[in-house]
Amino acid sequence: MVTEKRALLAGLGASGGTRAEQLAAALQGRIRELSPGSAIGTIEEIRQESGLARPTVSEAIRLLRDRGVLEIRPGRGGGLFVADQSPVVRLRHTLLSVAGEPSTVADAIELRNHLEELIDVGAARCAGEADIPALRACLDDMAAAPDWDAFLRANWALHESIAQLCPNAMARAVYVGTLGHLTSSTAHTTDRDADAYRARRLRIHADLVEAIAAGDEDAVRAAVARHNHTD
């Protein structure tokens, strides 16, 4: 593990781009040496190994997942694994191929809102006690975010973590594909409204996580309704 850590850290300074992009490149180099289905580790292990913040690691993992080179398996025995070219991976690539169309972000928001209840109720039905700390850690990242961009990155990381708990692989692929489009576009609030808006959004997401933790499907649906219609 010490040798692997040194190799990963060395790779972080070898290319341009953001820290997340550098980490993704370093991890992709490691993945090339592995066969489909091989375990890569967990997000927490990668965080400790790289020394980078959780949102940065989550963004790097998202980049690799969107490229179809790794998959995230939730629950006991889960983690990061080398992906094969399954129909779900090919579907994700199809979603990414429309990224240049002018209406992509608006389409992604509409599609994600329609899928939100399906994804979150599925997570509530399947989440185990061991899955909840990671969701609460994302909430902590949202609360501690120093600026709006960091808040959004932590927000997307939370939604992606929730999606990985949903058993519907096809819905999960489409939903996560929409997040890929949304993370490339940053919404803004006015300075006057930013703090109040962030507080409202954080409260809604905290309610959603607690509803999922309790397995309370009615509370999940109520939280999703507030999530999709609170501005």
Protein backbone atom coordinates (compact mmCIF):
# COMPACT_ATOMS: atom_id res chain seq x y z
CA MET A 1 0.00 0.00 0.00
CA VAL A 2 2.91 2.39 0.74
CA THR A 3 4.30 1.86 -2.77
CA GLU A 4 0.86 2.38 -4.31
CA LYS A 5 0.37 5.57 -2.30
CA ARG A 6 3.66 7.00 -3.46
CA ALA A 7 2.80 6.16 -7.08
CA LEU A 8 -0.61 7.81 -6.79
CA LEU A 9 0.75 10.94 -5.15
CA ALA A 10 3.49 11.20 -7.78
CA GLY A 11 0.86 11.04 -10.52
CA LEU A 12 -1.02 14.03 -9.12
CA GLY A 13 1.57 16.49 -10.27
CA ALA A 14 2.28 14.89 -13.63
CA SER A 15 -0.56 16.43 -15.65
CA GLY A 16 -2.55 19.63 -15.89
CA GLY A 17 -6.16 20.22 -14.99
CA THR A 18 -7.89 20.35 -11.63
CA ARG A 19 -6.84 18.18 -8.71
CA ALA A 20 -9.84 15.94 -9.41
CA GLU A 21 -8.77 15.52 -13.05
CA GLN A 22 -5.20 14.78 -11.97
CA LEU A 23 -6.41 12.18 -9.48
CA ALA A 24 -8.66 10.62 -12.13
CA ALA A 25 -5.71 10.35 -14.51
CA ALA A 26 -3.53 8.74 -11.82
CA LEU A 27 -6.26 6.24 -10.91
CA GLN A 28 -6.95 5.44 -14.55
CA GLY A 29 -3.31 4.52 -14.98
CA ARG A 30 -3.68 2.03 -12.13
CA ILE A 31 -6.94 0.67 -13.54
CA ARG A 32 -5.29 -0.16 -16.88
CA GLU A 33 -3.29 -2.83 -15.10
CA LEU A 34 -6.40 -4.55 -13.72
CA SER A 35 -9.07 -6.80 -15.22
CA PRO A 36 -12.85 -6.10 -15.24
CA GLY A 37 -14.40 -6.74 -11.83
CA SER A 38 -11.15 -6.15 -9.92
CA ALA A 39 -11.49 -4.17 -6.70
CA ILE A 40 -9.88 -0.74 -6.70
CA GLY A 41 -10.68 0.16 -3.09
CA THR A 42 -13.18 2.50 -1.48
CA ILE A 43 -13.66 6.23 -1.77
CA GLU A 44 -12.38 6.63 1.79
CA GLU A 45 -9.25 4.61 1.01
CA ILE A 46 -8.58 6.76 -2.05
CA ARG A 47 -9.12 9.88 0.05
CA GLN A 48 -6.60 8.71 2.65
CA GLU A 49 -4.17 7.56 -0.02
CA SER A 50 -4.26 10.81 -1.98
CA GLY A 51 -4.63 13.21 0.94
CA LEU A 52 -7.31 15.10 -1.00
CA ALA A 53 -10.69 16.30 0.28
CA ARG A 54 -13.75 14.07 -0.08
CA PRO A 55 -15.48 16.29 -2.71
CA THR A 56 -12.32 16.24 -4.85
CA VAL A 57 -12.08 12.45 -4.62
CA SER A 58 -15.80 12.09 -5.36
CA GLU A 59 -15.41 14.27 -8.45
CA ALA A 60 -12.47 12.15 -9.67
CA ILE A 61 -14.50 8.98 -9.15
CA ARG A 62 -17.41 10.53 -11.05
CA LEU A 63 -15.14 11.36 -13.97
CA LEU A 64 -13.89 7.77 -14.14
CA ARG A 65 -17.38 6.35 -13.80
CA ASP A 66 -18.63 8.59 -16.59
CA ARG A 67 -15.77 7.37 -18.78
CA GLY A 68 -16.97 3.85 -18.11
CA VAL A 69 -13.76 2.62 -16.52
CA LEU A 70 -15.05 1.98 -13.00
CA GLU A 71 -18.28 1.22 -11.20
CA ILE A 72 -19.42 1.90 -7.65
CA ARG A 73 -21.05 -0.95 -5.76
CA PRO A 74 -22.93 0.04 -2.59
CA GLY A 75 -23.42 -1.88 0.62
CA ARG A 76 -21.39 -4.50 2.45
CA GLY A 77 -18.54 -5.70 0.26
CA GLY A 78 -19.02 -2.72 -2.03
CA GLY A 79 -16.55 -0.12 -3.20
CA LEU A 80 -14.87 0.80 -6.46
CA PHE A 81 -14.39 -1.86 -9.13
CA VAL A 82 -13.03 -1.96 -12.67
CA ALA A 83 -16.06 -1.75 -14.97
CA ASP A 84 -16.92 -3.94 -17.89
CA GLN A 85 -18.80 -2.70 -20.96
CA SER A 86 -22.26 -3.61 -19.72
CA PRO A 87 -25.47 -2.20 -21.28
CA VAL A 88 -25.67 0.25 -18.38
CA VAL A 89 -22.17 1.57 -19.14
CA ARG A 90 -23.05 1.94 -22.82
CA LEU A 91 -26.22 3.81 -21.85
CA ARG A 92 -24.16 6.21 -19.75
CA HIS A 93 -21.88 6.86 -22.71
CA THR A 94 -24.93 7.62 -24.85
CA LEU A 95 -26.11 10.19 -22.30
CA LEU A 96 -22.71 11.85 -22.27
CA SER A 97 -22.65 12.08 -26.06
CA VAL A 98 -25.38 14.77 -26.05
CA ALA A 99 -23.36 17.10 -23.80
CA GLY A 100 -22.83 19.67 -26.55
CA GLU A 101 -26.50 20.31 -27.28
CA PRO A 102 -27.75 23.76 -26.16
CA SER A 103 -30.66 22.47 -24.07
CA THR A 104 -28.63 19.81 -22.27
CA VAL A 105 -28.63 21.38 -18.79
CA ALA A 106 -32.35 22.19 -18.83
CA ASP A 107 -33.10 18.69 -20.09
CA ALA A 108 -30.89 17.16 -17.40
CA ILE A 109 -32.66 19.10 -14.64
CA GLU A 110 -36.09 18.07 -15.92
CA LEU A 111 -35.09 14.42 -16.24
CA ARG A 112 -33.37 14.33 -12.86
CA ASN A 113 -36.40 15.85 -11.11
CA HIS A 114 -38.65 13.17 -12.62
CA LEU A 115 -36.29 10.42 -11.46
CA GLU A 116 -35.58 11.85 -8.00
CA GLU A 117 -38.42 10.10 -6.18
CA LEU A 118 -37.74 6.73 -7.84
CA ILE A 119 -34.04 6.93 -6.92
CA ASP A 120 -34.55 8.15 -3.36
CA VAL A 121 -37.37 5.76 -2.49
CA GLY A 122 -35.25 2.91 -3.86
CA ALA A 123 -32.38 4.05 -1.65
CA ALA A 124 -34.69 4.16 1.39
CA ARG A 125 -35.79 0.58 0.73
CA CYS A 126 -32.27 -0.78 0.36
CA ALA A 127 -30.00 1.37 2.51
CA GLY A 128 -28.40 -0.38 5.45
CA GLU A 129 -27.09 1.17 8.64
CA ALA A 130 -23.54 1.06 7.25
CA ASP A 131 -24.55 3.17 4.23
CA ILE A 132 -25.78 6.21 6.15
CA PRO A 133 -22.51 7.66 7.55
CA ALA A 134 -21.26 8.37 4.00
CA LEU A 135 -24.45 10.31 3.24
CA ARG A 136 -24.10 12.33 6.45
CA ALA A 137 -20.45 13.01 5.60
CA CYS A 138 -21.62 14.58 2.33
CA LEU A 139 -23.98 16.79 4.35
CA ASP A 140 -21.03 17.83 6.52
CA ASP A 141 -19.12 18.74 3.35
CA MET A 142 -22.07 20.83 2.17
CA ALA A 143 -22.27 22.63 5.52
CA ALA A 144 -18.51 23.32 5.54
CA ALA A 145 -18.24 24.36 1.88
CA PRO A 146 -16.33 27.65 1.62
CA ASP A 147 -18.12 28.82 -1.51
CA TRP A 148 -21.02 28.07 -3.83
CA ASP A 149 -19.05 25.86 -6.21
CA ALA A 150 -17.83 23.68 -3.35
CA PHE A 151 -21.37 23.51 -1.97
CA LEU A 152 -22.64 22.28 -5.34
CA ARG A 153 -19.87 19.68 -5.66
CA ALA A 154 -20.74 18.31 -2.23
CA ASN A 155 -24.42 18.37 -3.20
CA TRP A 156 -23.79 16.35 -6.38
CA ALA A 157 -21.62 13.91 -4.39
CA LEU A 158 -24.52 13.37 -1.96
CA HIS A 159 -27.01 12.70 -4.76
CA GLU A 160 -24.60 10.32 -6.43
CA SER A 161 -24.05 8.43 -3.15
CA ILE A 162 -27.82 8.14 -2.70
CA ALA A 163 -28.22 6.92 -6.28
CA GLN A 164 -25.71 4.12 -5.73
CA LEU A 165 -28.08 2.68 -3.09
CA CYS A 166 -30.99 2.41 -5.54
CA PRO A 167 -31.40 -1.15 -6.88
CA ASN A 168 -32.75 -0.06 -10.28
CA ALA A 169 -29.54 -0.10 -12.35
CA MET A 170 -31.09 1.44 -15.46
CA ALA A 171 -32.72 4.33 -13.59
CA ARG A 172 -29.50 4.78 -11.65
CA ALA A 173 -27.45 5.05 -14.86
CA VAL A 174 -29.78 7.64 -16.38
CA TYR A 175 -29.96 9.65 -13.13
CA VAL A 176 -26.20 9.69 -12.60
CA GLY A 177 -25.78 10.63 -16.26
CA THR A 178 -27.85 13.75 -15.63
CA LEU A 179 -25.58 14.65 -12.71
CA GLY A 180 -22.65 14.46 -15.12
CA HIS A 181 -24.23 17.24 -17.17
CA LEU A 182 -25.18 19.33 -14.15
CA THR A 183 -21.71 19.25 -12.56
CA SER A 184 -20.34 20.94 -15.68
CA SER A 185 -22.72 23.87 -15.19
CA THR A 186 -22.80 26.05 -12.07
CA ALA A 187 -25.95 27.81 -10.95
CA HIS A 188 -25.56 31.08 -9.06
CA THR A 189 -27.49 32.94 -6.41
CA THR A 190 -27.23 36.64 -5.60
CA ASP A 191 -24.95 37.64 -2.74
CA ARG A 192 -27.97 38.83 -0.79
CA ASP A 193 -29.74 35.47 -1.00
CA ALA A 194 -26.80 33.06 -1.03
CA ASP A 195 -26.54 32.26 2.70
CA ALA A 196 -30.29 31.86 3.18
CA TYR A 197 -30.61 29.78 0.03
CA ARG A 198 -27.76 27.47 1.04
CA ALA A 199 -29.31 27.03 4.49
CA ARG A 200 -32.66 26.05 2.96
CA ARG A 201 -31.06 23.59 0.54
CA LEU A 202 -28.93 22.04 3.28
CA ARG A 203 -31.99 21.54 5.50
CA ILE A 204 -33.92 19.87 2.69
CA HIS A 205 -31.05 17.49 1.94
CA ALA A 206 -30.61 16.72 5.64
CA ASP A 207 -34.32 15.84 5.87
CA LEU A 208 -33.96 13.62 2.80
CA VAL A 209 -30.99 11.74 4.27
CA GLU A 210 -32.77 11.18 7.59
CA ALA A 211 -35.87 9.91 5.77
CA ILE A 212 -33.70 7.46 3.81
CA ALA A 213 -31.95 6.39 7.03
CA ALA A 214 -35.33 5.70 8.64
CA GLY A 215 -36.64 3.86 5.59
CA ASP A 216 -39.66 6.20 5.69
CA GLU A 217 -40.91 6.29 2.10
CA ASP A 218 -43.61 8.90 2.79
CA ALA A 219 -41.03 11.22 4.37
CA VAL A 220 -38.73 10.62 1.38
CA ARG A 221 -41.48 11.62 -1.04
CA ALA A 222 -42.23 14.76 1.00
CA ALA A 223 -38.53 15.69 1.05
CA VAL A 224 -38.26 15.12 -2.70
CA ALA A 225 -41.26 17.39 -3.31
CA ARG A 226 -39.57 20.16 -1.30
CA HIS A 227 -36.26 19.45 -3.04
CA ASN A 228 -37.74 19.83 -6.52
CA HIS A 229 -39.87 22.88 -5.81
CA THR A 230 -37.91 25.02 -3.35
CA ASP A 231 -36.04 27.96 -4.85
